[in-house]
Amino acid sequence: MIHKVEYMECDLCHKKLHPLDAHCGRLREKFTTAHIDCWNKAIEIVKEEDLTDSIEACDAQINCNQCVIAYGSDFENNDFVPCNFIRKKYGESIWDYK
């Protein structure tokens, strides 16, 4: 018995995607199906954009919640970098941030 595999298309690189190699999830509020490598690269890009957006918002003192959300993911890895507002208020030495 021969099983026919229906291939999908990666939403990020638009190449053929085997269902067993696929990762499905939400990326920028859109359901996305992608190769695992494409997904990991996209997540890193989104994370960098979120950090940049949070720094800009912090500099303008627009929205502290945005900053907390973006930096919260790094807190688990002990790579927490305090935002500009916190560094200015409390100084850099309390986190040994350089």
C-alpha atoms as a PDB file:
ATOM      1  CA  MET A   1       0.000   0.000   0.000  1.00  0.00           C
ATOM      2  CA  ILE A   2       1.414   3.351  -1.026  1.00  0.00           C
ATOM      3  CA  HIS A   3       0.491   6.417   0.976  1.00  0.00           C
ATOM      4  CA  LYS A   4       0.352   9.704  -0.831  1.00  0.00           C
ATOM      5  CA  VAL A   5       1.737  12.657   1.117  1.00  0.00           C
ATOM      6  CA  GLU A   6       0.203  16.029   0.450  1.00  0.00           C
ATOM      7  CA  TYR A   7       2.852  18.696   0.688  1.00  0.00           C
ATOM      8  CA  MET A   8       2.127  22.185   1.903  1.00  0.00           C
ATOM      9  CA  GLU A   9       3.832  25.489   1.207  1.00  0.00           C
ATOM     10  CA  CYS A  10       5.909  27.318   3.796  1.00  0.00           C
ATOM     11  CA  ASP A  11       4.277  30.693   4.482  1.00  0.00           C
ATOM     12  CA  LEU A  12       7.692  32.282   5.052  1.00  0.00           C
ATOM     13  CA  CYS A  13      10.000  30.963   2.302  1.00  0.00           C
ATOM     14  CA  HIS A  14       7.235  29.630  -0.021  1.00  0.00           C
ATOM     15  CA  LYS A  15       9.058  26.339  -0.639  1.00  0.00           C
ATOM     16  CA  LYS A  16       7.569  22.856  -0.470  1.00  0.00           C
ATOM     17  CA  LEU A  17       6.889  21.761   3.101  1.00  0.00           C
ATOM     18  CA  HIS A  18       6.461  18.181   4.318  1.00  0.00           C
ATOM     19  CA  PRO A  19       3.755  17.966   7.001  1.00  0.00           C
ATOM     20  CA  LEU A  20       6.127  16.235   9.441  1.00  0.00           C
ATOM     21  CA  ASP A  21       8.637  19.095   9.116  1.00  0.00           C
ATOM     22  CA  ALA A  22       6.035  21.801   9.668  1.00  0.00           C
ATOM     23  CA  HIS A  23       5.561  24.120  12.602  1.00  0.00           C
ATOM     24  CA  CYS A  24       2.208  25.854  12.990  1.00  0.00           C
ATOM     25  CA  GLY A  25       1.552  28.854  15.158  1.00  0.00           C
ATOM     26  CA  ARG A  26       0.709  32.531  15.333  1.00  0.00           C
ATOM     27  CA  LEU A  27       3.252  35.000  14.044  1.00  0.00           C
ATOM     28  CA  ARG A  28       2.275  38.679  14.229  1.00  0.00           C
ATOM     29  CA  GLU A  29      -1.362  37.713  14.887  1.00  0.00           C
ATOM     30  CA  LYS A  30      -1.518  35.542  11.743  1.00  0.00           C
ATOM     31  CA  PHE A  31      -1.704  31.744  11.702  1.00  0.00           C
ATOM     32  CA  THR A  32       1.479  30.559   9.996  1.00  0.00           C
ATOM     33  CA  THR A  33       2.734  27.188   8.774  1.00  0.00           C
ATOM     34  CA  ALA A  34       6.467  27.050   8.164  1.00  0.00           C
ATOM     35  CA  HIS A  35       9.658  24.987   8.197  1.00  0.00           C
ATOM     36  CA  ILE A  36      11.067  24.804  11.705  1.00  0.00           C
ATOM     37  CA  ASP A  37      14.223  26.685  10.625  1.00  0.00           C
ATOM     38  CA  CYS A  38      12.157  29.420   8.945  1.00  0.00           C
ATOM     39  CA  TRP A  39      10.005  29.681  12.069  1.00  0.00           C
ATOM     40  CA  ASN A  40      13.023  30.070  14.372  1.00  0.00           C
ATOM     41  CA  LYS A  41      14.527  32.798  12.157  1.00  0.00           C
ATOM     42  CA  ALA A  42      11.195  34.640  12.033  1.00  0.00           C
ATOM     43  CA  ILE A  43      10.824  34.492  15.819  1.00  0.00           C
ATOM     44  CA  GLU A  44      14.294  36.031  16.269  1.00  0.00           C
ATOM     45  CA  ILE A  45      13.411  38.845  13.849  1.00  0.00           C
ATOM     46  CA  VAL A  46      10.104  39.517  15.627  1.00  0.00           C
ATOM     47  CA  LYS A  47      11.870  39.499  18.999  1.00  0.00           C
ATOM     48  CA  GLU A  48      14.443  42.045  17.772  1.00  0.00           C
ATOM     49  CA  GLU A  49      11.656  44.244  16.375  1.00  0.00           C
ATOM     50  CA  ASP A  50       9.751  44.023  19.672  1.00  0.00           C
ATOM     51  CA  LEU A  51      12.848  45.030  21.634  1.00  0.00           C
ATOM     52  CA  THR A  52      13.497  47.955  19.284  1.00  0.00           C
ATOM     53  CA  ASP A  53       9.863  49.059  19.558  1.00  0.00           C
ATOM     54  CA  SER A  54       9.984  48.817  23.344  1.00  0.00           C
ATOM     55  CA  ILE A  55      13.171  50.891  23.556  1.00  0.00           C
ATOM     56  CA  GLU A  56      11.617  53.582  21.347  1.00  0.00           C
ATOM     57  CA  ALA A  57       8.440  53.562  23.450  1.00  0.00           C
ATOM     58  CA  CYS A  58      10.500  53.748  26.617  1.00  0.00           C
ATOM     59  CA  ASP A  59      12.552  56.664  25.331  1.00  0.00           C
ATOM     60  CA  ALA A  60       9.325  58.505  24.619  1.00  0.00           C
ATOM     61  CA  GLN A  61       7.856  57.170  27.890  1.00  0.00           C
ATOM     62  CA  ILE A  62       4.808  56.082  25.972  1.00  0.00           C
ATOM     63  CA  ASN A  63       3.989  52.646  27.311  1.00  0.00           C
ATOM     64  CA  CYS A  64       5.873  50.783  30.045  1.00  0.00           C
ATOM     65  CA  ASN A  65       3.740  47.644  29.522  1.00  0.00           C
ATOM     66  CA  GLN A  66       5.153  47.251  26.019  1.00  0.00           C
ATOM     67  CA  CYS A  67       8.654  47.292  27.469  1.00  0.00           C
ATOM     68  CA  VAL A  68       7.802  44.734  30.143  1.00  0.00           C
ATOM     69  CA  ILE A  69       6.300  42.330  27.593  1.00  0.00           C
ATOM     70  CA  ALA A  70       9.296  42.505  25.253  1.00  0.00           C
ATOM     71  CA  TYR A  71      11.921  42.148  27.966  1.00  0.00           C
ATOM     72  CA  GLY A  72       9.962  39.533  29.895  1.00  0.00           C
ATOM     73  CA  SER A  73      10.950  36.769  27.479  1.00  0.00           C
ATOM     74  CA  ASP A  74      14.646  37.398  28.183  1.00  0.00           C
ATOM     75  CA  PHE A  75      14.148  37.325  31.941  1.00  0.00           C
ATOM     76  CA  GLU A  76      13.987  33.501  31.955  1.00  0.00           C
ATOM     77  CA  ASN A  77      17.428  33.284  30.342  1.00  0.00           C
ATOM     78  CA  ASN A  78      18.946  35.738  32.834  1.00  0.00           C
ATOM     79  CA  ASP A  79      19.692  38.023  29.899  1.00  0.00           C
ATOM     80  CA  PHE A  80      17.429  40.733  31.295  1.00  0.00           C
ATOM     81  CA  VAL A  81      18.473  44.191  30.181  1.00  0.00           C
ATOM     82  CA  PRO A  82      16.684  46.970  32.048  1.00  0.00           C
ATOM     83  CA  CYS A  83      14.973  49.588  29.943  1.00  0.00           C
ATOM     84  CA  ASN A  84      16.377  53.081  29.567  1.00  0.00           C
ATOM     85  CA  PHE A  85      13.919  54.541  32.089  1.00  0.00           C
ATOM     86  CA  ILE A  86      14.924  52.060  34.825  1.00  0.00           C
ATOM     87  CA  ARG A  87      18.637  52.510  34.112  1.00  0.00           C
ATOM     88  CA  LYS A  88      18.289  56.294  34.327  1.00  0.00           C
ATOM     89  CA  LYS A  89      16.212  56.086  37.516  1.00  0.00           C
ATOM     90  CA  TYR A  90      18.214  53.493  39.496  1.00  0.00           C
ATOM     91  CA  GLY A  91      21.589  53.452  37.749  1.00  0.00           C
ATOM     92  CA  GLU A  92      23.231  50.662  35.832  1.00  0.00           C
ATOM     93  CA  SER A  93      25.188  49.091  38.691  1.00  0.00           C
ATOM     94  CA  ILE A  94      22.238  47.266  40.293  1.00  0.00           C
ATOM     95  CA  TRP A  95      22.125  44.878  37.301  1.00  0.00           C
ATOM     96  CA  ASP A  96      25.829  45.075  36.450  1.00  0.00           C
ATOM     97  CA  TYR A  97      24.663  46.187  33.045  1.00  0.00           C
ATOM     98  CA  LYS A  98      27.290  47.590  30.693  1.00  0.00           C
END
